[in-house]
Amino acid sequence: MKPGIEWRRPRASADSEQFAADLHAALSRAPKAISPKYFYDEAGSRLFEQICELPEYYPTRTELALLRAHARDMATQFGPQVQLIEYGAGALRKVRLLLDAMPRDSVEFVPVDISGPHLLAACDGLAGDYPGLAIQPLVADFTRPHTLPPCAEGSRRVGFFPGSSIGNFTPSEADAFLRLAASELAGGGLLIGIDLEKDHDVLHAAYNDAAGVTAAFNMNLLDRARQELGAEFPPDGFEHLAFYNPAYRRIEMHLRATRPLELQLGGETYAFHEGETLHTEHSHKYTVSGFQALAQRAGFKPGKVWTDENGWFAVLWLEAQDG
């Protein structure tokens, strides 16, 4: 495998034009809702990395502890030669624990992320720390059709999807992603992190941190709309709202209007009444058996499972059946 970074930049689907179209659609529907993928511009990506360090935000440190304790066991599931694909790669922190457990010449790494500048900066850092590692970053929305680089002869594709990001999908979106992944990882497998059902107070604190970083992350969507799309709205017109919705077994994040107001975007005006929200994210919580059943319906065969002592988080290995 050729070492170094080979930069692949297809047309990104989350450019300003697409963002504008999706925001118009979000503001036109009832209730108003938009995909959380638009959080992740450069500023949003930096804020999310700060969230991961917060004392209230247990998922990152819990998953990291599982990876540190079990990375070698996880890597043995992959096979001797792999093309390792990280979906929603971000800062490339967790994958380092897997790479440390694998022979350097046995892996080609393909990080996929929607935020190009953030991804390239992370890859530069990774390349400096892992000389000789073949890295092919890909800017893409991994939930939509995309083209992966060819897999080397004798290798199989293994997906890595940490961070319980699957929880941000609706059940139908999760099913669609898992089916897409099962298809492109056929003959390999997927290592995925999921957040488990737990005490609601723990969940509430994780999304309403005392430092207000999660609130800033949520509000950054509006900042992006103002700066990138020229949206106009009262600067103090919205506030962060996050709560657990037991009917859907998920945390929800919203931007809530503090009073009756109008948001102007691209010549259109959208009215909000006091208390009306723009739903920006949800994070579903799973049981291990429930998620395994979902994955099995999508074409995976459930394998090993690693969980923490509190039963708060799990990392699952899923075999992707040959096509």
Foldseek 3Di string as FASTA:
>chain_A
DFWDEDEAEDPACPDLVNVQVQQVVQLPDPQREGELLLLDEPVLLVLVVVLLPAPLAPQNVFVLVLLQVCLLVVLVQFDQAAEEEEEQCRLVPSCVSNCVNHDQVRYAYEYEHQHVVRVVVSRVVVCVVRPRHHYYYYHYNLLDDDDDPDDDPPYAYEYEYEDQVLQFDDLVSSLSSLLVCLVRRAPGWYKYKHFADDDFVSVVCSCCPPVCSNFVSVCVSVVCCCVSFVKDWPPPQWGWDWGQDVVQQKIWIWTFGQAWIWIDTPNDIRTDHHGRTYTNTIGHHHDPVVVQVSSVVSAWHWDDKDGDPVRGMIITITHRHHD
